[in-house]
């Protein structure tokens, strides 16, 4: 689970930086504090799905670009 949190955070940070946005700018766009965005980016917090959707909308990407999808295993 911690590994997923850190990947989500890295993906969000990479997308934010690609747009040239500060953490404060992204926080404003997703209606979180700058500290909340930082905690997600460094993997301290796993945001709920609704929050990840706000990140995706603000960044103009699909959820699949934020949430890491591992290889599918056959059941």
PDB file of N, CA and C in Angstrom:
ATOM      1  N   UNK A   1       0.829  -1.199   0.000  1.00  0.00           N
ATOM      2  CA  UNK A   1       0.000   0.000   0.000  1.00  0.00           C
ATOM      3  C   UNK A   1       0.868   1.255   0.000  1.00  0.00           C
ATOM      4  N   UNK A   2       1.936   1.267   0.808  1.00  0.00           N
ATOM      5  CA  UNK A   2       2.808   2.441   0.844  1.00  0.00           C
ATOM      6  C   UNK A   2       3.443   2.670  -0.523  1.00  0.00           C
ATOM      7  N   UNK A   3       3.743   1.580  -1.201  1.00  0.00           N
ATOM      8  CA  UNK A   3       4.346   1.696  -2.535  1.00  0.00           C
ATOM      9  C   UNK A   3       3.383   2.391  -3.502  1.00  0.00           C
ATOM     10  N   UNK A   4       2.093   2.046  -3.421  1.00  0.00           N
ATOM     11  CA  UNK A   4       1.083   2.676  -4.266  1.00  0.00           C
ATOM     12  C   UNK A   4       0.961   4.153  -3.931  1.00  0.00           C
ATOM     13  N   UNK A   5       0.989   4.485  -2.623  1.00  0.00           N
ATOM     14  CA  UNK A   5       0.898   5.894  -2.222  1.00  0.00           C
ATOM     15  C   UNK A   5       2.031   6.703  -2.834  1.00  0.00           C
ATOM     16  N   UNK A   6       3.246   6.144  -2.766  1.00  0.00           N
ATOM     17  CA  UNK A   6       4.379   6.908  -3.289  1.00  0.00           C
ATOM     18  C   UNK A   6       4.307   7.039  -4.809  1.00  0.00           C
ATOM     19  N   UNK A   7       3.800   6.021  -5.496  1.00  0.00           N
ATOM     20  CA  UNK A   7       3.667   6.115  -6.954  1.00  0.00           C
ATOM     21  C   UNK A   7       2.603   7.142  -7.334  1.00  0.00           C
ATOM     22  N   UNK A   8       1.495   7.151  -6.610  1.00  0.00           N
ATOM     23  CA  UNK A   8       0.445   8.148  -6.864  1.00  0.00           C
ATOM     24  C   UNK A   8       1.043   9.540  -6.690  1.00  0.00           C
ATOM     25  N   UNK A   9       1.746   9.746  -5.591  1.00  0.00           N
ATOM     26  CA  UNK A   9       2.354  11.043  -5.327  1.00  0.00           C
ATOM     27  C   UNK A   9       3.365  11.448  -6.377  1.00  0.00           C
ATOM     28  N   UNK A  10       4.216  10.508  -6.786  1.00  0.00           N
ATOM     29  CA  UNK A  10       5.207  10.814  -7.829  1.00  0.00           C
ATOM     30  C   UNK A  10       4.521  11.183  -9.142  1.00  0.00           C
ATOM     31  N   UNK A  11       3.463  10.460  -9.476  1.00  0.00           N
ATOM     32  CA  UNK A  11       2.738  10.759 -10.715  1.00  0.00           C
ATOM     33  C   UNK A  11       2.124  12.159 -10.658  1.00  0.00           C
ATOM     34  N   UNK A  12       1.534  12.498  -9.522  1.00  0.00           N
ATOM     35  CA  UNK A  12       0.926  13.826  -9.377  1.00  0.00           C
ATOM     36  C   UNK A  12       1.996  14.898  -9.479  1.00  0.00           C
ATOM     37  N   UNK A  13       3.112  14.718  -8.783  1.00  0.00           N
ATOM     38  CA  UNK A  13       4.187  15.710  -8.830  1.00  0.00           C
ATOM     39  C   UNK A  13       4.727  15.873 -10.253  1.00  0.00           C
ATOM     40  N   UNK A  14       4.938  14.748 -10.942  1.00  0.00           N
ATOM     41  CA  UNK A  14       5.459  14.802 -12.315  1.00  0.00           C
ATOM     42  C   UNK A  14       4.506  15.586 -13.219  1.00  0.00           C
ATOM     43  N   UNK A  15       3.216  15.323 -13.104  1.00  0.00           N
ATOM     44  CA  UNK A  15       2.230  16.023 -13.923  1.00  0.00           C
ATOM     45  C   UNK A  15       2.159  17.506 -13.565  1.00  0.00           C
ATOM     46  N   UNK A  16       2.229  17.809 -12.269  1.00  0.00           N
ATOM     47  CA  UNK A  16       2.216  19.210 -11.821  1.00  0.00           C
ATOM     48  C   UNK A  16       3.427  19.960 -12.370  1.00  0.00           C
ATOM     49  N   UNK A  17       4.595  19.371 -12.219  1.00  0.00           N
ATOM     50  CA  UNK A  17       5.818  20.027 -12.679  1.00  0.00           C
ATOM     51  C   UNK A  17       5.840  20.183 -14.195  1.00  0.00           C
ATOM     52  N   UNK A  18       5.262  19.223 -14.918  1.00  0.00           N
ATOM     53  CA  UNK A  18       5.204  19.319 -16.387  1.00  0.00           C
ATOM     54  C   UNK A  18       4.389  20.528 -16.830  1.00  0.00           C
ATOM     55  N   UNK A  19       3.468  20.956 -15.966  1.00  0.00           N
ATOM     56  CA  UNK A  19       2.654  22.125 -16.287  1.00  0.00           C
ATOM     57  C   UNK A  19       3.266  23.421 -15.762  1.00  0.00           C
ATOM     58  N   UNK A  20       4.366  23.293 -15.034  1.00  0.00           N
ATOM     59  CA  UNK A  20       5.016  24.474 -14.485  1.00  0.00           C
ATOM     60  C   UNK A  20       4.286  25.063 -13.286  1.00  0.00           C
ATOM     61  N   UNK A  21       3.458  24.253 -12.638  1.00  0.00           N
ATOM     62  CA  UNK A  21       2.675  24.734 -11.503  1.00  0.00           C
ATOM     63  C   UNK A  21       3.430  24.535 -10.202  1.00  0.00           C
ATOM     64  N   UNK A  22       3.241  25.453  -9.297  1.00  0.00           N
ATOM     65  CA  UNK A  22       3.753  25.282  -7.935  1.00  0.00           C
ATOM     66  C   UNK A  22       2.787  24.366  -7.185  1.00  0.00           C
ATOM     67  N   UNK A  23       3.249  23.893  -6.042  1.00  0.00           N
ATOM     68  CA  UNK A  23       2.356  23.103  -5.196  1.00  0.00           C
ATOM     69  C   UNK A  23       1.154  23.915  -4.745  1.00  0.00           C
ATOM     70  N   UNK A  24       1.375  25.201  -4.502  1.00  0.00           N
ATOM     71  CA  UNK A  24       0.283  26.075  -4.084  1.00  0.00           C
ATOM     72  C   UNK A  24      -0.762  26.225  -5.193  1.00  0.00           C
ATOM     73  N   UNK A  25      -0.305  26.309  -6.443  1.00  0.00           N
ATOM     74  CA  UNK A  25      -1.245  26.420  -7.565  1.00  0.00           C
ATOM     75  C   UNK A  25      -2.093  25.162  -7.685  1.00  0.00           C
ATOM     76  N   UNK A  26      -1.464  24.001  -7.588  1.00  0.00           N
ATOM     77  CA  UNK A  26      -2.239  22.758  -7.666  1.00  0.00           C
ATOM     78  C   UNK A  26      -3.200  22.666  -6.488  1.00  0.00           C
ATOM     79  N   UNK A  27      -2.744  23.045  -5.313  1.00  0.00           N
ATOM     80  CA  UNK A  27      -3.611  23.013  -4.128  1.00  0.00           C
ATOM     81  C   UNK A  27      -4.849  23.871  -4.349  1.00  0.00           C
ATOM     82  N   UNK A  28      -4.663  25.045  -4.912  1.00  0.00           N
ATOM     83  CA  UNK A  28      -5.806  25.931  -5.191  1.00  0.00           C
ATOM     84  C   UNK A  28      -6.781  25.267  -6.154  1.00  0.00           C
ATOM     85  N   UNK A  29      -6.241  24.619  -7.172  1.00  0.00           N
ATOM     86  CA  UNK A  29      -7.091  24.004  -8.199  1.00  0.00           C
ATOM     87  C   UNK A  29      -7.855  22.778  -7.698  1.00  0.00           C
ATOM     88  N   UNK A  30      -7.292  22.060  -6.727  1.00  0.00           N
ATOM     89  CA  UNK A  30      -7.973  20.859  -6.212  1.00  0.00           C
ATOM     90  C   UNK A  30      -8.640  21.107  -4.863  1.00  0.00           C
ATOM     91  N   UNK A  31      -8.574  22.368  -4.390  1.00  0.00           N
ATOM     92  CA  UNK A  31      -9.213  22.759  -3.132  1.00  0.00           C
ATOM     93  C   UNK A  31      -8.665  21.985  -1.933  1.00  0.00           C
ATOM     94  N   UNK A  32      -7.336  21.942  -1.845  1.00  0.00           N
ATOM     95  CA  UNK A  32      -6.635  21.373  -0.698  1.00  0.00           C
ATOM     96  C   UNK A  32      -5.634  22.392  -0.195  1.00  0.00           C
ATOM     97  N   UNK A  33      -5.093  22.145   0.985  1.00  0.00           N
ATOM     98  CA  UNK A  33      -4.000  22.992   1.450  1.00  0.00           C
ATOM     99  C   UNK A  33      -2.724  22.591   0.729  1.00  0.00           C
ATOM    100  N   UNK A  34      -1.745  23.477   0.717  1.00  0.00           N
ATOM    101  CA  UNK A  34      -0.444  23.146   0.126  1.00  0.00           C
ATOM    102  C   UNK A  34       0.177  21.974   0.879  1.00  0.00           C
ATOM    103  N   UNK A  35      -0.005  21.958   2.199  1.00  0.00           N
ATOM    104  CA  UNK A  35       0.505  20.845   3.002  1.00  0.00           C
ATOM    105  C   UNK A  35      -0.156  19.529   2.648  1.00  0.00           C
ATOM    106  N   UNK A  36      -1.440  19.580   2.323  1.00  0.00           N
ATOM    107  CA  UNK A  36      -2.149  18.368   1.908  1.00  0.00           C
ATOM    108  C   UNK A  36      -1.622  17.827   0.596  1.00  0.00           C
ATOM    109  N   UNK A  37      -1.364  18.721  -0.345  1.00  0.00           N
ATOM    110  CA  UNK A  37      -0.796  18.301  -1.632  1.00  0.00           C
ATOM    111  C   UNK A  37       0.591  17.717  -1.409  1.00  0.00           C
ATOM    112  N   UNK A  38       1.399  18.387  -0.579  1.00  0.00           N
ATOM    113  CA  UNK A  38       2.750  17.899  -0.291  1.00  0.00           C
ATOM    114  C   UNK A  38       2.696  16.501   0.306  1.00  0.00           C
ATOM    115  N   UNK A  39       1.797  16.281   1.283  1.00  0.00           N
ATOM    116  CA  UNK A  39       1.698  14.975   1.945  1.00  0.00           C
ATOM    117  C   UNK A  39       1.346  13.876   0.950  1.00  0.00           C
ATOM    118  N   UNK A  40       0.523  14.194  -0.024  1.00  0.00           N
ATOM    119  CA  UNK A  40       0.168  13.223  -1.067  1.00  0.00           C
ATOM    120  C   UNK A  40       1.355  12.990  -1.991  1.00  0.00           C
ATOM    121  N   UNK A  41       2.017  14.067  -2.406  1.00  0.00           N
ATOM    122  CA  UNK A  41       3.141  13.944  -3.333  1.00  0.00           C
ATOM    123  C   UNK A  41       4.298  13.128  -2.752  1.00  0.00           C
ATOM    124  N   UNK A  42       4.541  13.231  -1.462  1.00  0.00           N
ATOM    125  CA  UNK A  42       5.648  12.488  -0.867  1.00  0.00           C
ATOM    126  C   UNK A  42       5.224  11.106  -0.375  1.00  0.00           C
ATOM    127  N   UNK A  43       3.946  10.776  -0.511  1.00  0.00           N
ATOM    128  CA  UNK A  43       3.478   9.438  -0.161  1.00  0.00           C
ATOM    129  C   UNK A  43       3.105   9.242   1.289  1.00  0.00           C
ATOM    130  N   UNK A  44       2.943  10.320   2.044  1.00  0.00           N
ATOM    131  CA  UNK A  44       2.531  10.190   3.438  1.00  0.00           C
ATOM    132  C   UNK A  44       1.047   9.886   3.582  1.00  0.00           C
ATOM    133  N   UNK A  45       0.272  10.262   2.574  1.00  0.00           N
ATOM    134  CA  UNK A  45      -1.184  10.126   2.630  1.00  0.00           C
ATOM    135  C   UNK A  45      -1.669   9.533   1.319  1.00  0.00           C
ATOM    136  N   UNK A  46      -2.590   8.585   1.411  1.00  0.00           N
ATOM    137  CA  UNK A  46      -3.254   8.072   0.213  1.00  0.00           C
ATOM    138  C   UNK A  46      -4.598   8.790   0.100  1.00  0.00           C
ATOM    139  N   UNK A  47      -4.764   9.606  -0.923  1.00  0.00           N
ATOM    140  CA  UNK A  47      -6.014  10.355  -1.044  1.00  0.00           C
ATOM    141  C   UNK A  47      -7.178   9.445  -1.420  1.00  0.00           C
ATOM    142  N   UNK A  48      -8.384   9.791  -0.977  1.00  0.00           N
ATOM    143  CA  UNK A  48      -9.556   9.035  -1.413  1.00  0.00           C
ATOM    144  C   UNK A  48      -9.770   9.204  -2.925  1.00  0.00           C
ATOM    145  N   UNK A  49     -10.529   8.310  -3.490  1.00  0.00           N
ATOM    146  CA  UNK A  49     -10.779   8.329  -4.930  1.00  0.00           C
ATOM    147  C   UNK A  49     -11.333   9.673  -5.393  1.00  0.00           C
ATOM    148  N   UNK A  50     -12.238  10.257  -4.636  1.00  0.00           N
ATOM    149  CA  UNK A  50     -12.824  11.542  -5.028  1.00  0.00           C
ATOM    150  C   UNK A  50     -11.745  12.619  -5.139  1.00  0.00           C
ATOM    151  N   UNK A  51     -10.773  12.594  -4.262  1.00  0.00           N
ATOM    152  CA  UNK A  51      -9.674  13.565  -4.320  1.00  0.00           C
ATOM    153  C   UNK A  51      -8.785  13.290  -5.525  1.00  0.00           C
ATOM    154  N   UNK A  52      -8.522  12.014  -5.805  1.00  0.00           N
ATOM    155  CA  UNK A  52      -7.717  11.689  -6.987  1.00  0.00           C
ATOM    156  C   UNK A  52      -8.435  12.126  -8.259  1.00  0.00           C
ATOM    157  N   UNK A  53      -9.755  12.055  -8.270  1.00  0.00           N
ATOM    158  CA  UNK A  53     -10.510  12.538  -9.424  1.00  0.00           C
ATOM    159  C   UNK A  53     -10.350  14.050  -9.573  1.00  0.00           C
ATOM    160  N   UNK A  54     -10.307  14.772  -8.450  1.00  0.00           N
ATOM    161  CA  UNK A  54     -10.091  16.223  -8.515  1.00  0.00           C
ATOM    162  C   UNK A  54      -8.705  16.534  -9.070  1.00  0.00           C
ATOM    163  N   UNK A  55      -7.706  15.750  -8.663  1.00  0.00           N
ATOM    164  CA  UNK A  55      -6.364  15.929  -9.226  1.00  0.00           C
ATOM    165  C   UNK A  55      -6.390  15.679 -10.728  1.00  0.00           C
ATOM    166  N   UNK A  56      -7.005  14.585 -11.144  1.00  0.00           N
ATOM    167  CA  UNK A  56      -7.056  14.254 -12.577  1.00  0.00           C
ATOM    168  C   UNK A  56      -7.745  15.370 -13.355  1.00  0.00           C
ATOM    169  N   UNK A  57      -8.867  15.869 -12.854  1.00  0.00           N
ATOM    170  CA  UNK A  57      -9.583  16.940 -13.544  1.00  0.00           C
ATOM    171  C   UNK A  57      -8.733  18.206 -13.621  1.00  0.00           C
ATOM    172  N   UNK A  58      -8.106  18.578 -12.521  1.00  0.00           N
ATOM    173  CA  UNK A  58      -7.288  19.788 -12.500  1.00  0.00           C
ATOM    174  C   UNK A  58      -6.102  19.671 -13.452  1.00  0.00           C
ATOM    175  N   UNK A  59      -5.524  18.485 -13.514  1.00  0.00           N
ATOM    176  CA  UNK A  59      -4.342  18.265 -14.349  1.00  0.00           C
ATOM    177  C   UNK A  59      -4.699  17.924 -15.795  1.00  0.00           C
ATOM    178  N   UNK A  60      -5.977  17.696 -16.059  1.00  0.00           N
ATOM    179  CA  UNK A  60      -6.417  17.399 -17.428  1.00  0.00           C
ATOM    180  C   UNK A  60      -5.991  16.024 -17.913  1.00  0.00           C
ATOM    181  N   UNK A  61      -5.982  15.048 -16.991  1.00  0.00           N
ATOM    182  CA  UNK A  61      -5.585  13.682 -17.339  1.00  0.00           C
ATOM    183  C   UNK A  61      -6.631  12.697 -16.846  1.00  0.00           C
ATOM    184  N   UNK A  62      -6.489  11.455 -17.270  1.00  0.00           N
ATOM    185  CA  UNK A  62      -7.376  10.406 -16.774  1.00  0.00           C
ATOM    186  C   UNK A  62      -6.824   9.874 -15.448  1.00  0.00           C
ATOM    187  N   UNK A  63      -7.680   9.225 -14.680  1.00  0.00           N
ATOM    188  CA  UNK A  63      -7.235   8.632 -13.417  1.00  0.00           C
ATOM    189  C   UNK A  63      -6.122   7.625 -13.626  1.00  0.00           C
ATOM    190  N   UNK A  64      -6.124   6.947 -14.755  1.00  0.00           N
ATOM    191  CA  UNK A  64      -5.099   5.935 -15.007  1.00  0.00           C
ATOM    192  C   UNK A  64      -3.702   6.539 -15.116  1.00  0.00           C
ATOM    193  N   UNK A  65      -3.605   7.845 -15.357  1.00  0.00           N
ATOM    194  CA  UNK A  65      -2.298   8.495 -15.388  1.00  0.00           C
ATOM    195  C   UNK A  65      -1.814   8.857 -13.986  1.00  0.00           C
ATOM    196  N   UNK A  66      -2.708   8.784 -13.014  1.00  0.00           N
ATOM    197  CA  UNK A  66      -2.360   9.088 -11.622  1.00  0.00           C
ATOM    198  C   UNK A  66      -2.208   7.810 -10.809  1.00  0.00           C
ATOM    199  N   UNK A  67      -3.150   6.887 -10.988  1.00  0.00           N
ATOM    200  CA  UNK A  67      -3.145   5.650 -10.199  1.00  0.00           C
ATOM    201  C   UNK A  67      -2.342   4.600 -10.949  1.00  0.00           C
ATOM    202  N   UNK A  68      -1.291   4.087 -10.312  1.00  0.00           N
ATOM    203  CA  UNK A  68      -0.482   3.053 -10.980  1.00  0.00           C
ATOM    204  C   UNK A  68      -1.262   1.760 -11.134  1.00  0.00           C
ATOM    205  N   UNK A  69      -1.221   1.232 -12.303  1.00  0.00           N
ATOM    206  CA  UNK A  69      -1.876  -0.045 -12.580  1.00  0.00           C
ATOM    207  C   UNK A  69      -0.792  -1.092 -12.812  1.00  0.00           C
ATOM    208  N   UNK A  70      -0.712  -2.041 -11.924  1.00  0.00           N
ATOM    209  CA  UNK A  70       0.283  -3.108 -12.053  1.00  0.00           C
ATOM    210  C   UNK A  70      -0.145  -4.107 -13.107  1.00  0.00           C
ATOM    211  N   UNK A  71       0.704  -5.042 -13.392  1.00  0.00           N
ATOM    212  CA  UNK A  71       0.347  -6.077 -14.373  1.00  0.00           C
ATOM    213  C   UNK A  71      -0.856  -6.876 -13.880  1.00  0.00           C
ATOM    214  N   UNK A  72      -1.723  -7.187 -14.796  1.00  0.00           N
ATOM    215  CA  UNK A  72      -2.918  -7.958 -14.474  1.00  0.00           C
ATOM    216  C   UNK A  72      -2.555  -9.429 -14.309  1.00  0.00           C
ATOM    217  N   UNK A  73      -3.078 -10.041 -13.271  1.00  0.00           N
ATOM    218  CA  UNK A  73      -2.838 -11.466 -13.047  1.00  0.00           C
ATOM    219  C   UNK A  73      -4.080 -12.258 -13.420  1.00  0.00           C
ATOM    220  N   UNK A  74      -3.857 -13.407 -14.011  1.00  0.00           N
ATOM    221  CA  UNK A  74      -4.983 -14.280 -14.351  1.00  0.00           C
ATOM    222  C   UNK A  74      -5.539 -14.879 -13.073  1.00  0.00           C
ATOM    223  N   UNK A  75      -6.852 -14.962 -12.997  1.00  0.00           N
ATOM    224  CA  UNK A  75      -7.482 -15.516 -11.787  1.00  0.00           C
ATOM    225  C   UNK A  75      -7.477 -17.014 -11.785  1.00  0.00           C
TER     226      UNK A  75
END
